[in-house]
Amino acid sequence: MRLSREKIVYLSHVIINAIKDMDSVDLKKDTNAVRLEIMNVIKKEMKREEEIEQVVRRKIESQKKGIPEGSREWEILYKQYYDEEIAKIRKIRE
């Protein structure tokens, strides 16, 4: 899934407003600086998501028999390979 810059900006405002409404949170930095960091995190996660998708698609395309995108088999393999890639990332973070 790709998000436009406008959607990322919108999400950053929604998140920072929710944070500011929390009584238990006291921002140590300027609100806009925190919002910009939120935008950077969203962008990094979107990039990582795109990279995972490319890896998964290459794995499916490397199958000996051609598997048409959108078919049940393609969907099953996509989920399986996607879950494997996410598990690898989680393992690295631990």
PDB file of N, CA and C in Angstrom:
ATOM      1  N   MET A   1       0.849  -1.168   0.000  1.00  0.00           N
ATOM      2  CA  MET A   1       0.000   0.000   0.000  1.00  0.00           C
ATOM      3  C   MET A   1       0.900   1.238   0.000  1.00  0.00           C
ATOM      4  N   ARG A   2       0.571   2.184  -0.819  1.00  0.00           N
ATOM      5  CA  ARG A   2       1.327   3.425  -0.881  1.00  0.00           C
ATOM      6  C   ARG A   2       0.472   4.566  -0.363  1.00  0.00           C
ATOM      7  N   LEU A   3       1.116   5.460   0.326  1.00  0.00           N
ATOM      8  CA  LEU A   3       0.430   6.632   0.842  1.00  0.00           C
ATOM      9  C   LEU A   3       1.021   7.870   0.194  1.00  0.00           C
ATOM     10  N   SER A   4       0.160   8.766  -0.204  1.00  0.00           N
ATOM     11  CA  SER A   4       0.633  10.029  -0.757  1.00  0.00           C
ATOM     12  C   SER A   4       1.230  10.873   0.371  1.00  0.00           C
ATOM     13  N   ARG A   5       1.997  11.867  -0.003  1.00  0.00           N
ATOM     14  CA  ARG A   5       2.580  12.772   0.987  1.00  0.00           C
ATOM     15  C   ARG A   5       1.466  13.416   1.816  1.00  0.00           C
ATOM     16  N   GLU A   6       0.371  13.786   1.151  1.00  0.00           N
ATOM     17  CA  GLU A   6      -0.740  14.427   1.854  1.00  0.00           C
ATOM     18  C   GLU A   6      -1.332  13.504   2.919  1.00  0.00           C
ATOM     19  N   LYS A   7      -1.445  12.218   2.598  1.00  0.00           N
ATOM     20  CA  LYS A   7      -2.001  11.275   3.562  1.00  0.00           C
ATOM     21  C   LYS A   7      -1.047  11.083   4.738  1.00  0.00           C
ATOM     22  N   ILE A   8       0.253  11.070   4.455  1.00  0.00           N
ATOM     23  CA  ILE A   8       1.238  10.945   5.532  1.00  0.00           C
ATOM     24  C   ILE A   8       1.182  12.166   6.439  1.00  0.00           C
ATOM     25  N   VAL A   9       1.073  13.347   5.844  1.00  0.00           N
ATOM     26  CA  VAL A   9       0.953  14.580   6.636  1.00  0.00           C
ATOM     27  C   VAL A   9      -0.308  14.520   7.492  1.00  0.00           C
ATOM     28  N   TYR A  10      -1.406  14.103   6.887  1.00  0.00           N
ATOM     29  CA  TYR A  10      -2.675  13.997   7.621  1.00  0.00           C
ATOM     30  C   TYR A  10      -2.532  13.032   8.799  1.00  0.00           C
ATOM     31  N   LEU A  11      -1.953  11.859   8.541  1.00  0.00           N
ATOM     32  CA  LEU A  11      -1.776  10.880   9.615  1.00  0.00           C
ATOM     33  C   LEU A  11      -0.888  11.425  10.726  1.00  0.00           C
ATOM     34  N   SER A  12       0.152  12.161  10.353  1.00  0.00           N
ATOM     35  CA  SER A  12       1.040  12.713  11.378  1.00  0.00           C
ATOM     36  C   SER A  12       0.289  13.705  12.266  1.00  0.00           C
ATOM     37  N   HIS A  13      -0.614  14.473  11.681  1.00  0.00           N
ATOM     38  CA  HIS A  13      -1.428  15.401  12.475  1.00  0.00           C
ATOM     39  C   HIS A  13      -2.388  14.640  13.399  1.00  0.00           C
ATOM     40  N   VAL A  14      -3.003  13.604  12.880  1.00  0.00           N
ATOM     41  CA  VAL A  14      -3.922  12.800  13.692  1.00  0.00           C
ATOM     42  C   VAL A  14      -3.172  12.195  14.878  1.00  0.00           C
ATOM     43  N   ILE A  15      -1.993  11.644  14.613  1.00  0.00           N
ATOM     44  CA  ILE A  15      -1.218  10.999  15.672  1.00  0.00           C
ATOM     45  C   ILE A  15      -0.750  12.021  16.712  1.00  0.00           C
ATOM     46  N   ILE A  16      -0.199  13.146  16.256  1.00  0.00           N
ATOM     47  CA  ILE A  16       0.308  14.138  17.208  1.00  0.00           C
ATOM     48  C   ILE A  16      -0.839  14.728  18.036  1.00  0.00           C
ATOM     49  N   ASN A  17      -2.000  14.907  17.432  1.00  0.00           N
ATOM     50  CA  ASN A  17      -3.145  15.409  18.197  1.00  0.00           C
ATOM     51  C   ASN A  17      -3.589  14.404  19.256  1.00  0.00           C
ATOM     52  N   ALA A  18      -3.556  13.132  18.897  1.00  0.00           N
ATOM     53  CA  ALA A  18      -3.918  12.091  19.869  1.00  0.00           C
ATOM     54  C   ALA A  18      -2.910  12.058  21.014  1.00  0.00           C
ATOM     55  N   ILE A  19      -1.642  12.222  20.692  1.00  0.00           N
ATOM     56  CA  ILE A  19      -0.600  12.235  21.725  1.00  0.00           C
ATOM     57  C   ILE A  19      -0.781  13.441  22.648  1.00  0.00           C
ATOM     58  N   LYS A  20      -1.043  14.599  22.048  1.00  0.00           N
ATOM     59  CA  LYS A  20      -1.215  15.809  22.855  1.00  0.00           C
ATOM     60  C   LYS A  20      -2.425  15.708  23.784  1.00  0.00           C
ATOM     61  N   ASP A  21      -3.443  14.938  23.389  1.00  0.00           N
ATOM     62  CA  ASP A  21      -4.647  14.783  24.205  1.00  0.00           C
ATOM     63  C   ASP A  21      -4.452  13.829  25.383  1.00  0.00           C
ATOM     64  N   MET A  22      -3.346  13.099  25.393  1.00  0.00           N
ATOM     65  CA  MET A  22      -3.083  12.149  26.475  1.00  0.00           C
ATOM     66  C   MET A  22      -2.533  12.898  27.687  1.00  0.00           C
ATOM     67  N   ASP A  23      -3.174  12.700  28.802  1.00  0.00           N
ATOM     68  CA  ASP A  23      -2.718  13.354  30.036  1.00  0.00           C
ATOM     69  C   ASP A  23      -1.372  12.815  30.503  1.00  0.00           C
ATOM     70  N   SER A  24      -1.094  11.566  30.192  1.00  0.00           N
ATOM     71  CA  SER A  24       0.120  10.919  30.695  1.00  0.00           C
ATOM     72  C   SER A  24       1.356  11.202  29.833  1.00  0.00           C
ATOM     73  N   VAL A  25       1.201  11.984  28.754  1.00  0.00           N
ATOM     74  CA  VAL A  25       2.317  12.263  27.856  1.00  0.00           C
ATOM     75  C   VAL A  25       2.677  13.738  27.923  1.00  0.00           C
ATOM     76  N   ASP A  26       3.969  13.980  28.119  1.00  0.00           N
ATOM     77  CA  ASP A  26       4.489  15.345  28.123  1.00  0.00           C
ATOM     78  C   ASP A  26       5.605  15.404  27.080  1.00  0.00           C
ATOM     79  N   LEU A  27       5.372  16.101  25.991  1.00  0.00           N
ATOM     80  CA  LEU A  27       6.363  16.177  24.919  1.00  0.00           C
ATOM     81  C   LEU A  27       7.559  16.997  25.373  1.00  0.00           C
ATOM     82  N   LYS A  28       8.748  16.474  25.150  1.00  0.00           N
ATOM     83  CA  LYS A  28       9.984  17.158  25.525  1.00  0.00           C
ATOM     84  C   LYS A  28      10.493  18.039  24.389  1.00  0.00           C
ATOM     85  N   LYS A  29       9.955  17.835  23.199  1.00  0.00           N
ATOM     86  CA  LYS A  29      10.360  18.618  22.033  1.00  0.00           C
ATOM     87  C   LYS A  29       9.155  19.363  21.478  1.00  0.00           C
ATOM     88  N   ASP A  30       9.447  20.275  20.594  1.00  0.00           N
ATOM     89  CA  ASP A  30       8.416  21.041  19.905  1.00  0.00           C
ATOM     90  C   ASP A  30       7.453  20.090  19.195  1.00  0.00           C
ATOM     91  N   THR A  31       6.184  20.401  19.247  1.00  0.00           N
ATOM     92  CA  THR A  31       5.150  19.558  18.639  1.00  0.00           C
ATOM     93  C   THR A  31       5.433  19.298  17.166  1.00  0.00           C
ATOM     94  N   ASN A  32       5.842  20.326  16.444  1.00  0.00           N
ATOM     95  CA  ASN A  32       6.106  20.146  15.012  1.00  0.00           C
ATOM     96  C   ASN A  32       7.304  19.231  14.782  1.00  0.00           C
ATOM     97  N   ALA A  33       8.320  19.306  15.628  1.00  0.00           N
ATOM     98  CA  ALA A  33       9.482  18.421  15.495  1.00  0.00           C
ATOM     99  C   ALA A  33       9.067  16.966  15.695  1.00  0.00           C
ATOM    100  N   VAL A  34       8.204  16.735  16.670  1.00  0.00           N
ATOM    101  CA  VAL A  34       7.710  15.379  16.921  1.00  0.00           C
ATOM    102  C   VAL A  34       6.869  14.910  15.735  1.00  0.00           C
ATOM    103  N   ARG A  35       6.026  15.793  15.216  1.00  0.00           N
ATOM    104  CA  ARG A  35       5.183  15.441  14.068  1.00  0.00           C
ATOM    105  C   ARG A  35       6.038  15.087  12.861  1.00  0.00           C
ATOM    106  N   LEU A  36       7.118  15.840  12.634  1.00  0.00           N
ATOM    107  CA  LEU A  36       8.015  15.540  11.515  1.00  0.00           C
ATOM    108  C   LEU A  36       8.705  14.188  11.700  1.00  0.00           C
ATOM    109  N   GLU A  37       9.044  13.871  12.935  1.00  0.00           N
ATOM    110  CA  GLU A  37       9.644  12.560  13.202  1.00  0.00           C
ATOM    111  C   GLU A  37       8.627  11.450  12.959  1.00  0.00           C
ATOM    112  N   ILE A  38       7.384  11.681  13.316  1.00  0.00           N
ATOM    113  CA  ILE A  38       6.319  10.714  13.033  1.00  0.00           C
ATOM    114  C   ILE A  38       6.225  10.491  11.525  1.00  0.00           C
ATOM    115  N   MET A  39       6.303  11.574  10.758  1.00  0.00           N
ATOM    116  CA  MET A  39       6.262  11.441   9.294  1.00  0.00           C
ATOM    117  C   MET A  39       7.430  10.598   8.797  1.00  0.00           C
ATOM    118  N   ASN A  40       8.625  10.817   9.361  1.00  0.00           N
ATOM    119  CA  ASN A  40       9.798  10.043   8.947  1.00  0.00           C
ATOM    120  C   ASN A  40       9.626   8.560   9.253  1.00  0.00           C
ATOM    121  N   VAL A  41       9.061   8.261  10.401  1.00  0.00           N
ATOM    122  CA  VAL A  41       8.831   6.863  10.769  1.00  0.00           C
ATOM    123  C   VAL A  41       7.833   6.220   9.811  1.00  0.00           C
ATOM    124  N   ILE A  42       6.774   6.917   9.490  1.00  0.00           N
ATOM    125  CA  ILE A  42       5.776   6.384   8.546  1.00  0.00           C
ATOM    126  C   ILE A  42       6.431   6.127   7.192  1.00  0.00           C
ATOM    127  N   LYS A  43       7.233   7.070   6.716  1.00  0.00           N
ATOM    128  CA  LYS A  43       7.910   6.910   5.420  1.00  0.00           C
ATOM    129  C   LYS A  43       8.850   5.707   5.427  1.00  0.00           C
ATOM    130  N   LYS A  44       9.610   5.542   6.520  1.00  0.00           N
ATOM    131  CA  LYS A  44      10.534   4.403   6.619  1.00  0.00           C
ATOM    132  C   LYS A  44       9.777   3.084   6.608  1.00  0.00           C
ATOM    133  N   GLU A  45       8.670   3.036   7.339  1.00  0.00           N
ATOM    134  CA  GLU A  45       7.879   1.807   7.376  1.00  0.00           C
ATOM    135  C   GLU A  45       7.247   1.503   6.020  1.00  0.00           C
ATOM    136  N   MET A  46       6.824   2.545   5.319  1.00  0.00           N
ATOM    137  CA  MET A  46       6.257   2.341   3.984  1.00  0.00           C
ATOM    138  C   MET A  46       7.329   1.815   3.024  1.00  0.00           C
ATOM    139  N   LYS A  47       8.541   2.323   3.140  1.00  0.00           N
ATOM    140  CA  LYS A  47       9.643   1.857   2.298  1.00  0.00           C
ATOM    141  C   LYS A  47       9.960   0.394   2.602  1.00  0.00           C
ATOM    142  N   ARG A  48       9.999   0.061   3.899  1.00  0.00           N
ATOM    143  CA  ARG A  48      10.260  -1.323   4.289  1.00  0.00           C
ATOM    144  C   ARG A  48       9.157  -2.238   3.747  1.00  0.00           C
ATOM    145  N   GLU A  49       7.931  -1.779   3.811  1.00  0.00           N
ATOM    146  CA  GLU A  49       6.796  -2.558   3.285  1.00  0.00           C
ATOM    147  C   GLU A  49       6.963  -2.815   1.785  1.00  0.00           C
ATOM    148  N   GLU A  50       7.375  -1.800   1.042  1.00  0.00           N
ATOM    149  CA  GLU A  50       7.591  -1.960  -0.394  1.00  0.00           C
ATOM    150  C   GLU A  50       8.713  -2.953  -0.674  1.00  0.00           C
ATOM    151  N   GLU A  51       9.778  -2.895   0.123  1.00  0.00           N
ATOM    152  CA  GLU A  51      10.887  -3.829  -0.054  1.00  0.00           C
ATOM    153  C   GLU A  51      10.447  -5.258   0.206  1.00  0.00           C
ATOM    154  N   ILE A  52       9.664  -5.460   1.243  1.00  0.00           N
ATOM    155  CA  ILE A  52       9.150  -6.801   1.543  1.00  0.00           C
ATOM    156  C   ILE A  52       8.281  -7.295   0.393  1.00  0.00           C
ATOM    157  N   GLU A  53       7.431  -6.426  -0.112  1.00  0.00           N
ATOM    158  CA  GLU A  53       6.556  -6.816  -1.218  1.00  0.00           C
ATOM    159  C   GLU A  53       7.367  -7.230  -2.445  1.00  0.00           C
ATOM    160  N   GLN A  54       8.437  -6.515  -2.743  1.00  0.00           N
ATOM    161  CA  GLN A  54       9.285  -6.864  -3.882  1.00  0.00           C
ATOM    162  C   GLN A  54       9.927  -8.235  -3.684  1.00  0.00           C
ATOM    163  N   VAL A  55      10.415  -8.498  -2.477  1.00  0.00           N
ATOM    164  CA  VAL A  55      11.019  -9.796  -2.179  1.00  0.00           C
ATOM    165  C   VAL A  55       9.990 -10.906  -2.362  1.00  0.00           C
ATOM    166  N   VAL A  56       8.796 -10.699  -1.832  1.00  0.00           N
ATOM    167  CA  VAL A  56       7.741 -11.708  -1.914  1.00  0.00           C
ATOM    168  C   VAL A  56       7.357 -11.962  -3.368  1.00  0.00           C
ATOM    169  N   ARG A  57       7.200 -10.908  -4.143  1.00  0.00           N
ATOM    170  CA  ARG A  57       6.840 -11.070  -5.556  1.00  0.00           C
ATOM    171  C   ARG A  57       7.923 -11.827  -6.328  1.00  0.00           C
ATOM    172  N   ARG A  58       9.187 -11.530  -6.028  1.00  0.00           N
ATOM    173  CA  ARG A  58      10.281 -12.250  -6.700  1.00  0.00           C
ATOM    174  C   ARG A  58      10.242 -13.729  -6.353  1.00  0.00           C
ATOM    175  N   LYS A  59       9.957 -14.054  -5.093  1.00  0.00           N
ATOM    176  CA  LYS A  59       9.867 -15.457  -4.686  1.00  0.00           C
ATOM    177  C   LYS A  59       8.757 -16.170  -5.459  1.00  0.00           C
ATOM    178  N   ILE A  60       7.613 -15.510  -5.582  1.00  0.00           N
ATOM    179  CA  ILE A  60       6.496 -16.132  -6.300  1.00  0.00           C
ATOM    180  C   ILE A  60       6.850 -16.289  -7.776  1.00  0.00           C
ATOM    181  N   GLU A  61       7.464 -15.282  -8.360  1.00  0.00           N
ATOM    182  CA  GLU A  61       7.835 -15.346  -9.775  1.00  0.00           C
ATOM    183  C   GLU A  61       8.898 -16.404 -10.045  1.00  0.00           C
ATOM    184  N   SER A  62       9.678 -16.775  -9.033  1.00  0.00           N
ATOM    185  CA  SER A  62      10.745 -17.762  -9.222  1.00  0.00           C
ATOM    186  C   SER A  62      10.227 -19.200  -9.220  1.00  0.00           C
ATOM    187  N   GLN A  63       8.944 -19.384  -8.964  1.00  0.00           N
ATOM    188  CA  GLN A  63       8.362 -20.726  -8.988  1.00  0.00           C
ATOM    189  C   GLN A  63       8.458 -21.295 -10.403  1.00  0.00           C
ATOM    190  N   LYS A  64       8.686 -22.593 -10.497  1.00  0.00           N
ATOM    191  CA  LYS A  64       8.832 -23.223 -11.816  1.00  0.00           C
ATOM    192  C   LYS A  64       7.584 -23.058 -12.676  1.00  0.00           C
ATOM    193  N   LYS A  65       6.433 -23.265 -12.065  1.00  0.00           N
ATOM    194  CA  LYS A  65       5.217 -23.084 -12.848  1.00  0.00           C
ATOM    195  C   LYS A  65       4.721 -21.654 -12.643  1.00  0.00           C
ATOM    196  N   GLY A  66       4.281 -21.058 -13.695  1.00  0.00           N
ATOM    197  CA  GLY A  66       3.777 -19.694 -13.592  1.00  0.00           C
ATOM    198  C   GLY A  66       2.502 -19.651 -12.760  1.00  0.00           C
ATOM    199  N   ILE A  67       2.496 -18.781 -11.790  1.00  0.00           N
ATOM    200  CA  ILE A  67       1.330 -18.657 -10.918  1.00  0.00           C
ATOM    201  C   ILE A  67       0.717 -17.288 -11.185  1.00  0.00           C
ATOM    202  N   PRO A  68      -0.480 -17.266 -11.754  1.00  0.00           N
ATOM    203  CA  PRO A  68      -1.086 -15.976 -12.090  1.00  0.00           C
ATOM    204  C   PRO A  68      -1.433 -15.159 -10.842  1.00  0.00           C
ATOM    205  N   GLU A  69      -1.046 -13.888 -10.888  1.00  0.00           N
ATOM    206  CA  GLU A  69      -1.346 -12.998  -9.778  1.00  0.00           C
ATOM    207  C   GLU A  69      -2.857 -12.891  -9.595  1.00  0.00           C
ATOM    208  N   GLY A  70      -3.282 -12.945  -8.356  1.00  0.00           N
ATOM    209  CA  GLY A  70      -4.700 -12.863  -8.048  1.00  0.00           C
ATOM    210  C   GLY A  70      -5.357 -14.231  -7.887  1.00  0.00           C
ATOM    211  N   SER A  71      -4.647 -15.273  -8.331  1.00  0.00           N
ATOM    212  CA  SER A  71      -5.208 -16.607  -8.158  1.00  0.00           C
ATOM    213  C   SER A  71      -5.118 -17.012  -6.689  1.00  0.00           C
ATOM    214  N   ARG A  72      -5.884 -18.018  -6.330  1.00  0.00           N
ATOM    215  CA  ARG A  72      -5.899 -18.490  -4.936  1.00  0.00           C
ATOM    216  C   ARG A  72      -4.499 -18.933  -4.512  1.00  0.00           C
ATOM    217  N   GLU A  73      -3.830 -19.662  -5.393  1.00  0.00           N
ATOM    218  CA  GLU A  73      -2.481 -20.148  -5.082  1.00  0.00           C
ATOM    219  C   GLU A  73      -1.511 -18.973  -4.868  1.00  0.00           C
ATOM    220  N   TRP A  74      -1.628 -17.941  -5.723  1.00  0.00           N
ATOM    221  CA  TRP A  74      -0.766 -16.759  -5.602  1.00  0.00           C
ATOM    222  C   TRP A  74      -1.007 -16.077  -4.262  1.00  0.00           C
ATOM    223  N   GLU A  75      -2.256 -15.931  -3.871  1.00  0.00           N
ATOM    224  CA  GLU A  75      -2.612 -15.290  -2.608  1.00  0.00           C
ATOM    225  C   GLU A  75      -2.055 -16.071  -1.413  1.00  0.00           C
ATOM    226  N   ILE A  76      -2.144 -17.391  -1.483  1.00  0.00           N
ATOM    227  CA  ILE A  76      -1.635 -18.229  -0.393  1.00  0.00           C
ATOM    228  C   ILE A  76      -0.118 -18.081  -0.288  1.00  0.00           C
ATOM    229  N   LEU A  77       0.571 -18.169  -1.426  1.00  0.00           N
ATOM    230  CA  LEU A  77       2.026 -18.014  -1.418  1.00  0.00           C
ATOM    231  C   LEU A  77       2.435 -16.623  -0.954  1.00  0.00           C
ATOM    232  N   TYR A  78       1.701 -15.606  -1.397  1.00  0.00           N
ATOM    233  CA  TYR A  78       2.020 -14.237  -0.997  1.00  0.00           C
ATOM    234  C   TYR A  78       1.954 -14.115   0.527  1.00  0.00           C
ATOM    235  N   LYS A  79       0.883 -14.611   1.113  1.00  0.00           N
ATOM    236  CA  LYS A  79       0.728 -14.526   2.576  1.00  0.00           C
ATOM    237  C   LYS A  79       1.831 -15.310   3.277  1.00  0.00           C
ATOM    238  N   GLN A  80       2.127 -16.494   2.780  1.00  0.00           N
ATOM    239  CA  GLN A  80       3.158 -17.332   3.395  1.00  0.00           C
ATOM    240  C   GLN A  80       4.517 -16.638   3.340  1.00  0.00           C
ATOM    241  N   TYR A  81       4.910 -16.169   2.165  1.00  0.00           N
ATOM    242  CA  TYR A  81       6.210 -15.526   2.013  1.00  0.00           C
ATOM    243  C   TYR A  81       6.263 -14.195   2.762  1.00  0.00           C
ATOM    244  N   TYR A  82       5.171 -13.469   2.770  1.00  0.00           N
ATOM    245  CA  TYR A  82       5.111 -12.200   3.501  1.00  0.00           C
ATOM    246  C   TYR A  82       5.321 -12.451   4.993  1.00  0.00           C
ATOM    247  N   ASP A  83       4.615 -13.439   5.521  1.00  0.00           N
ATOM    248  CA  ASP A  83       4.759 -13.777   6.937  1.00  0.00           C
ATOM    249  C   ASP A  83       6.189 -14.201   7.264  1.00  0.00           C
ATOM    250  N   GLU A  84       6.828 -14.922   6.352  1.00  0.00           N
ATOM    251  CA  GLU A  84       8.218 -15.334   6.554  1.00  0.00           C
ATOM    252  C   GLU A  84       9.149 -14.124   6.620  1.00  0.00           C
ATOM    253  N   GLU A  85       8.942 -13.173   5.732  1.00  0.00           N
ATOM    254  CA  GLU A  85       9.786 -11.973   5.715  1.00  0.00           C
ATOM    255  C   GLU A  85       9.581 -11.134   6.973  1.00  0.00           C
ATOM    256  N   ILE A  86       8.356 -11.014   7.419  1.00  0.00           N
ATOM    257  CA  ILE A  86       8.070 -10.280   8.652  1.00  0.00           C
ATOM    258  C   ILE A  86       8.728 -10.985   9.843  1.00  0.00           C
ATOM    259  N   ALA A  87       8.671 -12.311   9.872  1.00  0.00           N
ATOM    260  CA  ALA A  87       9.295 -13.072  10.954  1.00  0.00           C
ATOM    261  C   ALA A  87      10.809 -12.842  10.974  1.00  0.00           C
ATOM    262  N   LYS A  88      11.424 -12.765   9.800  1.00  0.00           N
ATOM    263  CA  LYS A  88      12.865 -12.487   9.728  1.00  0.00           C
ATOM    264  C   LYS A  88      13.183 -11.127  10.326  1.00  0.00           C
ATOM    265  N   ILE A  89      12.386 -10.128   9.996  1.00  0.00           N
ATOM    266  CA  ILE A  89      12.614  -8.777  10.508  1.00  0.00           C
ATOM    267  C   ILE A  89      12.452  -8.754  12.026  1.00  0.00           C
ATOM    268  N   ARG A  90      11.431  -9.412  12.528  1.00  0.00           N
ATOM    269  CA  ARG A  90      11.215  -9.457  13.979  1.00  0.00           C
ATOM    270  C   ARG A  90      12.374 -10.139  14.688  1.00  0.00           C
ATOM    271  N   LYS A  91      12.880 -11.192  14.072  1.00  0.00           N
ATOM    272  CA  LYS A  91      13.990 -11.932  14.666  1.00  0.00           C
ATOM    273  C   LYS A  91      15.237 -11.038  14.727  1.00  0.00           C
ATOM    274  N   ILE A  92      15.467 -10.259  13.692  1.00  0.00           N
ATOM    275  CA  ILE A  92      16.621  -9.351  13.646  1.00  0.00           C
ATOM    276  C   ILE A  92      16.486  -8.276  14.723  1.00  0.00           C
ATOM    277  N   ARG A  93      15.288  -7.787  14.948  1.00  0.00           N
ATOM    278  CA  ARG A  93      15.061  -6.717  15.933  1.00  0.00           C
ATOM    279  C   ARG A  93      15.234  -7.195  17.369  1.00  0.00           C
ATOM    280  N   GLU A  94      15.133  -8.504  17.604  1.00  0.00           N
ATOM    281  CA  GLU A  94      15.223  -9.022  18.972  1.00  0.00           C
ATOM    282  C   GLU A  94      16.630  -9.051  19.474  1.00  0.00           C
TER     283      GLU A  94
END
